C-alpha atoms as a PDB file:
ATOM      1  CA  ARG A   1      -0.066  -0.143  -0.164  1.00  0.00           C
ATOM      2  CA  GLU A   2       2.872   2.101   0.568  1.00  0.00           C
ATOM      3  CA  TRP A   3       4.500   1.733  -2.896  1.00  0.00           C
ATOM      4  CA  ARG A   4       1.094   2.814  -4.320  1.00  0.00           C
ATOM      5  CA  HIS A   5       1.148   5.840  -2.376  1.00  0.00           C
ATOM      6  CA  GLN A   6       4.495   6.545  -3.833  1.00  0.00           C
ATOM      7  CA  GLN A   7       3.514   5.682  -6.825  1.00  0.00           C
ATOM      8  CA  LEU A   8       0.960   8.137  -7.086  1.00  0.00           C
ATOM      9  CA  ALA A   9       3.071  10.793  -5.513  1.00  0.00           C
ATOM     10  CA  VAL A  10       5.819  10.882  -8.217  1.00  0.00           C
ATOM     11  CA  PHE A  11       2.906  10.701 -10.484  1.00  0.00           C
ATOM     12  CA  LEU A  12       1.145  14.088  -9.616  1.00  0.00           C
ATOM     13  CA  LYS A  13       4.529  15.727  -8.933  1.00  0.00           C
ATOM     14  CA  SER A  14       5.572  14.825 -12.551  1.00  0.00           C
ATOM     15  CA  ILE A  15       2.056  16.413 -13.761  1.00  0.00           C
ATOM     16  CA  GLU A  16       2.900  19.444 -11.636  1.00  0.00           C
ATOM     17  CA  LYS A  17       6.262  19.725 -12.912  1.00  0.00           C
ATOM     18  CA  HIS A  18       5.293  19.697 -16.780  1.00  0.00           C
ATOM     19  CA  VAL A  19       2.320  21.978 -16.420  1.00  0.00           C
ATOM     20  CA  ARG A  20       4.179  24.730 -14.672  1.00  0.00           C
ATOM     21  CA  ARG A  21       6.813  25.219 -17.452  1.00  0.00           C
ATOM     22  CA  THR A  22       3.997  27.119 -19.158  1.00  0.00           C
ATOM     23  CA  HIS A  23       1.686  27.976 -16.039  1.00  0.00           C
ATOM     24  CA  PRO A  24       3.746  28.825 -12.887  1.00  0.00           C
ATOM     25  CA  ALA A  25       0.996  29.069 -10.766  1.00  0.00           C
ATOM     26  CA  PHE A  26      -0.372  25.784 -11.592  1.00  0.00           C
ATOM     27  CA  LEU A  27      -2.107  24.194  -8.625  1.00  0.00           C
ATOM     28  CA  LEU A  28      -2.785  20.571  -8.600  1.00  0.00           C
ATOM     29  CA  THR A  29      -5.169  18.676  -6.119  1.00  0.00           C
ATOM     30  CA  LEU A  30      -7.579  15.986  -5.570  1.00  0.00           C
ATOM     31  CA  ASN A  31     -10.373  15.188  -3.451  1.00  0.00           C
ATOM     32  CA  HIS A  32      -9.594  13.612  -0.735  1.00  0.00           C
ATOM     33  CA  ALA A  33     -10.936  12.523   2.981  1.00  0.00           C
ATOM     34  CA  VAL A  34      -8.528  14.834   4.747  1.00  0.00           C
ATOM     35  CA  GLY A  35      -8.107  11.993   7.651  1.00  0.00           C
ATOM     36  CA  ASP A  36      -7.552   9.534   5.006  1.00  0.00           C
ATOM     37  CA  PRO A  37      -3.423   8.007   5.189  1.00  0.00           C
ATOM     38  CA  ASP A  38      -3.241   8.680   1.429  1.00  0.00           C
ATOM     39  CA  PHE A  39      -3.431  12.562   1.711  1.00  0.00           C
ATOM     40  CA  ALA A  40      -1.367  12.725   4.202  1.00  0.00           C
ATOM     41  CA  TYR A  41       1.458  10.611   2.436  1.00  0.00           C
ATOM     42  CA  LEU A  42       1.146  12.765  -0.891  1.00  0.00           C
ATOM     43  CA  SER A  43       1.170  15.601   1.842  1.00  0.00           C
ATOM     44  CA  LEU A  44       4.567  14.677   3.335  1.00  0.00           C
ATOM     45  CA  ALA A  45       5.828  13.796   0.270  1.00  0.00           C
ATOM     46  CA  ASP A  46       5.359  17.607  -1.304  1.00  0.00           C
ATOM     47  CA  ALA A  47       2.999  16.204  -3.272  1.00  0.00           C
ATOM     48  CA  MET A  48      -0.282  17.568  -2.557  1.00  0.00           C
ATOM     49  CA  LYS A  49      -0.318  20.107  -0.155  1.00  0.00           C
ATOM     50  CA  ILE A  50      -4.187  21.632  -0.931  1.00  0.00           C
ATOM     51  CA  PRO A  51      -6.811  18.915  -0.909  1.00  0.00           C
ATOM     52  CA  SER A  52     -10.623  19.650  -1.007  1.00  0.00           C
ATOM     53  CA  GLY A  53     -11.963  17.668   1.564  1.00  0.00           C
ATOM     54  CA  GLU A  54     -15.366  16.275   1.142  1.00  0.00           C
ATOM     55  CA  LEU A  55     -17.534  16.546   4.342  1.00  0.00           C
ATOM     56  CA  TRP A  56     -20.164  13.576   3.070  1.00  0.00           C
ATOM     57  CA  HIS A  57     -19.118  11.855   6.327  1.00  0.00           C
ATOM     58  CA  LEU A  58     -20.126  14.644   8.674  1.00  0.00           C
ATOM     59  CA  LYS A  59     -23.577  15.872   9.532  1.00  0.00           C
ATOM     60  CA  LEU A  60     -22.662  19.684   9.265  1.00  0.00           C
ATOM     61  CA  GLY A  61     -23.784  21.706  12.772  1.00  0.00           C
ATOM     62  CA  GLU A  62     -23.643  18.176  14.615  1.00  0.00           C
ATOM     63  CA  ASP A  63     -20.473  16.913  13.367  1.00  0.00           C
ATOM     64  CA  SER A  64     -17.153  19.394  13.714  1.00  0.00           C
ATOM     65  CA  SER A  65     -15.040  19.673  10.550  1.00  0.00           C
ATOM     66  CA  LEU A  66     -12.538  21.559  12.036  1.00  0.00           C
ATOM     67  CA  TYR A  67     -10.309  18.528  12.148  1.00  0.00           C
ATOM     68  CA  ALA A  68      -9.794  18.999   8.252  1.00  0.00           C
ATOM     69  CA  TYR A  69      -8.714  22.433   8.564  1.00  0.00           C
ATOM     70  CA  ARG A  70      -6.191  21.386  11.676  1.00  0.00           C
ATOM     71  CA  LEU A  71      -4.706  18.526  10.304  1.00  0.00           C
ATOM     72  CA  THR A  72      -4.350  20.100   6.802  1.00  0.00           C
ATOM     73  CA  GLU A  73      -2.503  22.736   8.449  1.00  0.00           C
ATOM     74  CA  ALA A  74       0.051  20.024  10.523  1.00  0.00           C
ATOM     75  CA  LEU A  75       0.569  18.368   7.366  1.00  0.00           C
ATOM     76  CA  SER A  76       1.653  20.876   4.907  1.00  0.00           C
ATOM     77  CA  GLY A  77       0.860  24.363   6.597  1.00  0.00           C
ATOM     78  CA  GLU A  78      -1.602  25.224   3.993  1.00  0.00           C
ATOM     79  CA  GLU A  79      -5.662  25.466   3.903  1.00  0.00           C
ATOM     80  CA  CYS A  80      -8.180  22.815   3.045  1.00  0.00           C
ATOM     81  CA  ILE A  81     -11.016  23.378   1.005  1.00  0.00           C
ATOM     82  CA  GLY A  82     -14.307  21.898   2.353  1.00  0.00           C
ATOM     83  CA  LEU A  83     -17.027  20.522   0.180  1.00  0.00           C
ATOM     84  CA  ILE A  84     -20.349  19.929   0.322  1.00  0.00           C
ATOM     85  CA  ASN A  85     -22.122  16.767  -1.807  1.00  0.00           C
ATOM     86  CA  SER A  86     -25.681  17.399  -1.203  1.00  0.00           C
ATOM     87  CA  THR A  87     -28.370  19.954  -0.320  1.00  0.00           C
ATOM     88  CA  ASP A  88     -29.631  17.959   2.689  1.00  0.00           C
ATOM     89  CA  GLN A  89     -25.746  19.025   4.005  1.00  0.00           C
ATOM     90  CA  ILE A  90     -26.641  22.825   4.151  1.00  0.00           C
ATOM     91  CA  GLN A  91     -30.621  22.704   5.211  1.00  0.00           C
ATOM     92  CA  PRO A  92     -31.953  24.161   7.238  1.00  0.00           C
ATOM     93  CA  ASP A  93     -29.363  27.077   6.844  1.00  0.00           C
ATOM     94  CA  TYR A  94     -27.960  26.616  10.262  1.00  0.00           C
ATOM     95  CA  ARG A  95     -25.582  23.520   9.260  1.00  0.00           C
ATOM     96  CA  TYR A  96     -24.161  25.954   6.414  1.00  0.00           C
ATOM     97  CA  ARG A  97     -23.547  28.333   8.784  1.00  0.00           C
ATOM     98  CA  VAL A  98     -21.750  26.208  11.214  1.00  0.00           C
ATOM     99  CA  ALA A  99     -19.540  24.566   8.406  1.00  0.00           C
ATOM    100  CA  VAL A 100     -18.741  28.078   7.212  1.00  0.00           C
ATOM    101  CA  ALA A 101     -17.823  29.300  10.606  1.00  0.00           C
ATOM    102  CA  GLU A 102     -15.559  26.260  11.230  1.00  0.00           C
ATOM    103  CA  ALA A 103     -13.580  27.042   7.914  1.00  0.00           C
ATOM    104  CA  TYR A 104     -13.367  30.269   8.413  1.00  0.00           C
ATOM    105  CA  ALA A 105     -12.227  30.137  12.228  1.00  0.00           C
ATOM    106  CA  GLY A 106      -9.997  26.766  11.400  1.00  0.00           C
ATOM    107  CA  GLY A 107      -8.498  29.235   8.521  1.00  0.00           C
ATOM    108  CA  GLY A 108      -9.249  26.735   5.444  1.00  0.00           C
ATOM    109  CA  VAL A 109     -11.789  27.489   2.423  1.00  0.00           C
ATOM    110  CA  PHE A 110     -15.047  26.275   2.180  1.00  0.00           C
ATOM    111  CA  TYR A 111     -16.821  25.806  -1.172  1.00  0.00           C
ATOM    112  CA  PHE A 112     -20.411  27.151  -2.103  1.00  0.00           C
ATOM    113  CA  GLY A 113     -22.820  27.567  -5.469  1.00  0.00           C
ATOM    114  CA  PRO A 114     -22.944  31.532  -6.769  1.00  0.00           C
ATOM    115  CA  THR A 115     -27.166  31.487  -6.006  1.00  0.00           C
ATOM    116  CA  HIS A 116     -27.468  29.860  -2.575  1.00  0.00           C
ATOM    117  CA  ALA A 117     -28.067  32.821  -0.196  1.00  0.00           C
ATOM    118  CA  PRO A 118     -26.321  32.372   3.043  1.00  0.00           C
ATOM    119  CA  GLY A 119     -23.313  31.722   1.043  1.00  0.00           C
ATOM    120  CA  ILE A 120     -23.513  35.391  -0.853  1.00  0.00           C
ATOM    121  CA  GLU A 121     -24.260  36.515   2.839  1.00  0.00           C
ATOM    122  CA  PHE A 122     -20.656  35.001   3.819  1.00  0.00           C
ATOM    123  CA  SER A 123     -18.847  36.322   0.929  1.00  0.00           C
ATOM    124  CA  ARG A 124     -19.903  39.585   1.552  1.00  0.00           C
ATOM    125  CA  PHE A 125     -18.964  39.585   5.082  1.00  0.00           C
ATOM    126  CA  LEU A 126     -15.205  37.919   4.012  1.00  0.00           C
ATOM    127  CA  ARG A 127     -14.802  40.768   1.578  1.00  0.00           C
ATOM    128  CA  GLN A 128     -15.840  43.190   4.286  1.00  0.00           C
ATOM    129  CA  ASN A 129     -13.507  41.752   7.082  1.00  0.00           C
ATOM    130  CA  PRO A 130      -9.771  40.928   5.907  1.00  0.00           C
ATOM    131  CA  HIS A 131      -8.699  37.253   7.479  1.00  0.00           C
ATOM    132  CA  PRO A 132      -7.930  38.241  11.371  1.00  0.00           C
ATOM    133  CA  TYR A 133      -5.722  35.231  11.644  1.00  0.00           C
ATOM    134  CA  VAL A 134      -3.388  36.088   9.150  1.00  0.00           C
ATOM    135  CA  GLY A 135       0.201  36.646  10.893  1.00  0.00           C
ATOM    136  CA  THR A 136      -1.319  34.809  13.923  1.00  0.00           C
ATOM    137  CA  SER A 137      -0.241  31.607  15.810  1.00  0.00           C
ATOM    138  CA  SER A 138      -2.077  29.160  18.035  1.00  0.00           C
ATOM    139  CA  GLU A 139      -2.670  29.234  21.428  1.00  0.00           C
ATOM    140  CA  ALA A 140      -3.918  26.132  22.064  1.00  0.00           C
ATOM    141  CA  SER A 141      -2.391  24.135  25.018  1.00  0.00           C
ATOM    142  CA  VAL A 142      -3.373  20.362  23.920  1.00  0.00           C
ATOM    143  CA  ALA A 143      -2.546  18.348  20.904  1.00  0.00           C
ATOM    144  CA  VAL A 144      -4.103  15.684  18.988  1.00  0.00           C
ATOM    145  CA  LEU A 145      -1.344  12.761  17.162  1.00  0.00           C
ATOM    146  CA  TYR A 146      -1.903  11.969  14.196  1.00  0.00           C
ATOM    147  CA  SER A 147       0.036   9.232  12.127  1.00  0.00           C
ATOM    148  CA  TRP A 148      -0.805   7.807   8.858  1.00  0.00           C
ATOM    149  CA  ARG A 149       1.131   4.814   9.319  1.00  0.00           C
ATOM    150  CA  ASP A 150      -1.047   3.779  12.193  1.00  0.00           C
ATOM    151  CA  GLN A 151      -3.976   4.236  10.111  1.00  0.00           C
ATOM    152  CA  GLU A 152      -2.919   2.212   6.937  1.00  0.00           C
ATOM    153  CA  PHE A 153      -1.533  -0.466   8.846  1.00  0.00           C
ATOM    154  CA  ILE A 154      -2.742  -1.422  12.480  1.00  0.00           C
ATOM    155  CA  LEU A 155      -6.215  -2.680  11.892  1.00  0.00           C
ATOM    156  CA  SER A 156      -9.274  -2.899  14.125  1.00  0.00           C
ATOM    157  CA  PRO A 157     -11.968  -5.200  14.729  1.00  0.00           C
ATOM    158  CA  GLY A 158     -15.144  -4.234  12.544  1.00  0.00           C
ATOM    159  CA  LYS A 159     -18.697  -4.513  13.773  1.00  0.00           C
ATOM    160  CA  ASP A 160     -18.633  -8.351  12.839  1.00  0.00           C
ATOM    161  CA  GLY A 161     -15.216  -8.728  14.069  1.00  0.00           C
ATOM    162  CA  THR A 162     -13.601  -8.916  10.604  1.00  0.00           C
ATOM    163  CA  PRO A 163     -10.302  -6.807  11.053  1.00  0.00           C
ATOM    164  CA  THR A 164     -10.789  -2.979   9.003  1.00  0.00           C
ATOM    165  CA  ALA A 165      -8.873   0.645   8.959  1.00  0.00           C
ATOM    166  CA  ASP A 166     -10.112   2.768  10.988  1.00  0.00           C
ATOM    167  CA  LEU A 167      -9.845   5.985   9.859  1.00  0.00           C
ATOM    168  CA  ASN A 168     -11.524   7.989  12.262  1.00  0.00           C
ATOM    169  CA  ARG A 169      -9.364   8.035  15.550  1.00  0.00           C
ATOM    170  CA  PHE A 170      -8.134  11.463  14.902  1.00  0.00           C
ATOM    171  CA  ARG A 171     -11.483  12.587  14.341  1.00  0.00           C
ATOM    172  CA  ARG A 172     -13.102  11.070  16.939  1.00  0.00           C
ATOM    173  CA  ALA A 173     -10.770  12.818  19.526  1.00  0.00           C
ATOM    174  CA  ALA A 174     -10.886  16.280  17.720  1.00  0.00           C
ATOM    175  CA  ALA A 175     -14.257  16.124  17.886  1.00  0.00           C
ATOM    176  CA  LEU A 176     -14.829  15.466  21.633  1.00  0.00           C
ATOM    177  CA  LEU A 177     -12.499  18.237  22.144  1.00  0.00           C
ATOM    178  CA  ALA A 178     -14.504  20.731  19.651  1.00  0.00           C
ATOM    179  CA  ARG A 179     -17.950  20.015  21.595  1.00  0.00           C
ATOM    180  CA  GLU A 180     -15.821  20.757  25.066  1.00  0.00           C
ATOM    181  CA  HIS A 181     -14.898  24.219  23.703  1.00  0.00           C
ATOM    182  CA  VAL A 182     -11.212  22.849  23.623  1.00  0.00           C
ATOM    183  CA  PRO A 183      -8.815  24.620  21.187  1.00  0.00           C
ATOM    184  CA  TYR A 184      -6.204  22.000  20.032  1.00  0.00           C
ATOM    185  CA  ASP A 185      -3.634  21.453  17.532  1.00  0.00           C
ATOM    186  CA  ALA A 186      -2.586  18.216  15.406  1.00  0.00           C
ATOM    187  CA  LEU A 187       0.827  16.668  15.625  1.00  0.00           C
ATOM    188  CA  VAL A 188       1.943  14.439  13.248  1.00  0.00           C
ATOM    189  CA  VAL A 189       3.622  11.823  14.375  1.00  0.00           C
ATOM    190  CA  GLU A 190       5.369  11.163  10.682  1.00  0.00           C
ATOM    191  CA  LYS A 191       7.431  14.250  11.086  1.00  0.00           C
ATOM    192  CA  VAL A 192       8.787  13.192  13.843  1.00  0.00           C
ATOM    193  CA  LEU A 193       8.199  14.196  17.659  1.00  0.00           C
ATOM    194  CA  LYS A 194      10.533  16.301  19.284  1.00  0.00           C
ATOM    195  CA  THR A 195      10.841  16.693  23.175  1.00  0.00           C
ATOM    196  CA  LYS A 196      10.632  20.918  22.572  1.00  0.00           C
ATOM    197  CA  GLU A 197       7.909  20.809  20.395  1.00  0.00           C
ATOM    198  CA  LEU A 198       5.710  18.834  22.622  1.00  0.00           C
ATOM    199  CA  ALA A 199       6.688  20.958  25.581  1.00  0.00           C
ATOM    200  CA  ARG A 200       4.706  23.603  24.435  1.00  0.00           C
ATOM    201  CA  TYR A 201       1.355  21.786  25.484  1.00  0.00           C
ATOM    202  CA  ARG A 202       0.145  20.773  28.747  1.00  0.00           C
ATOM    203  CA  VAL A 203      -1.759  17.725  27.676  1.00  0.00           C
ATOM    204  CA  ILE A 204      -0.968  15.342  24.749  1.00  0.00           C
ATOM    205  CA  VAL A 205      -3.524  13.337  23.275  1.00  0.00           C
ATOM    206  CA  ALA A 206      -2.729   9.931  21.924  1.00  0.00           C
ATOM    207  CA  PRO A 207      -5.929   8.522  20.137  1.00  0.00           C
ATOM    208  CA  GLU A 208      -5.616   4.586  19.870  1.00  0.00           C
ATOM    209  CA  LEU A 209      -2.025   5.400  18.629  1.00  0.00           C
ATOM    210  CA  ARG A 210      -0.498   1.431  18.427  1.00  0.00           C
ATOM    211  CA  LEU A 211       2.007   1.955  16.268  1.00  0.00           C
ATOM    212  CA  LEU A 212       5.514   3.822  17.319  1.00  0.00           C
ATOM    213  CA  VAL A 213       8.896   4.457  16.398  1.00  0.00           C
ATOM    214  CA  GLU A 214      11.342   3.887  19.358  1.00  0.00           C
ATOM    215  CA  SER A 215      12.245   7.643  18.943  1.00  0.00           C
ATOM    216  CA  ASP A 216       8.829   8.948  19.609  1.00  0.00           C
ATOM    217  CA  ALA A 217       8.389   6.874  21.943  1.00  0.00           C
ATOM    218  CA  GLY A 218      11.379   8.027  23.824  1.00  0.00           C
ATOM    219  CA  ALA A 219      10.267  11.855  23.135  1.00  0.00           C
ATOM    220  CA  LEU A 220       6.982  11.158  24.889  1.00  0.00           C
ATOM    221  CA  GLU A 221       8.621   9.618  27.867  1.00  0.00           C
ATOM    222  CA  GLN A 222      11.147  12.714  28.263  1.00  0.00           C
ATOM    223  CA  TYR A 223       8.089  14.937  27.918  1.00  0.00           C
ATOM    224  CA  LEU A 224       5.992  13.119  30.679  1.00  0.00           C
ATOM    225  CA  ARG A 225       9.089  13.123  32.887  1.00  0.00           C
ATOM    226  CA  SER A 226       9.038  17.182  32.566  1.00  0.00           C
ATOM    227  CA  GLY A 227       5.756  17.355  33.890  1.00  0.00           C
ATOM    228  CA  GLY A 228       3.343  16.818  30.919  1.00  0.00           C
ATOM    229  CA  ARG A 229       0.352  14.970  30.821  1.00  0.00           C
ATOM    230  CA  LEU A 230      -0.319  12.179  28.521  1.00  0.00           C
ATOM    231  CA  LEU A 231      -4.084  10.698  27.314  1.00  0.00           C
ATOM    232  CA  SER A 232      -3.886   7.411  25.764  1.00  0.00           C
ATOM    233  CA  ILE A 233      -6.945   6.093  24.425  1.00  0.00           C
ATOM    234  CA  GLY A 234      -6.274   2.464  23.442  1.00  0.00           C
ATOM    235  CA  HIS A 235      -3.120   0.796  23.551  1.00  0.00           C
ATOM    236  CA  LEU A 236      -0.631   3.510  22.920  1.00  0.00           C
ATOM    237  CA  GLY A 237       2.834   1.757  21.551  1.00  0.00           C
ATOM    238  CA  ALA A 238       1.516  -1.751  21.528  1.00  0.00           C
ATOM    239  CA  ILE A 239       3.653  -2.438  18.335  1.00  0.00           C
ATOM    240  CA  ARG A 240       6.922  -0.467  17.998  1.00  0.00           C
ATOM    241  CA  GLN A 241       8.514   0.082  14.588  1.00  0.00           C
ATOM    242  CA  ALA A 242      12.441  -0.359  14.263  1.00  0.00           C
ATOM    243  CA  GLY A 243      13.954   3.074  13.208  1.00  0.00           C
END
């Protein structure tokens, strides 16, 4: 599976390189559920920085979409483009308003049709109010760990007991924090955990993170010995990866 991600990354980068010879501002993107390991791999491989994240799996207005913007920012430092899939996602209007507010607050982008009245209202608001978050930094004291390798290779028992990939571990933890109005950052394990970076946070949340490299486990241990707090959901580090 990792080989397939690698080949897709090579393919996308070759397309972008070719087109930019005549169109330097060309941007290549694909529709991805942001929490899926394929986008995480492509982002870390510098093959795709900005995803358009379909939000079909969320009941907008009730399920938080903030995780998509936080995770994209952590992976590539860029913005996620939120996409709706059907009218029932934005009706009644409060669902739409919550979705665009989360995109705005999360530092992302939200796509909407040009004839949708709340969309017209929101675009007017954006024109009149330049983004207040430009040039700012996060003050979150909680960080949630994310690992594409853990999602890709470590299966969970399905409803019928059949092992299956669980792509929602990070999203479930992030949604809980959003419901409790707790600001959080995402930390990508594959970028290598550093004790100095971990020390910024009062609490680190590890949502069912079972696959750990020894160096990352050591950074977490040092963080704890220095007075940090770790909320581990599931069997943290039950599988150690050499390297």
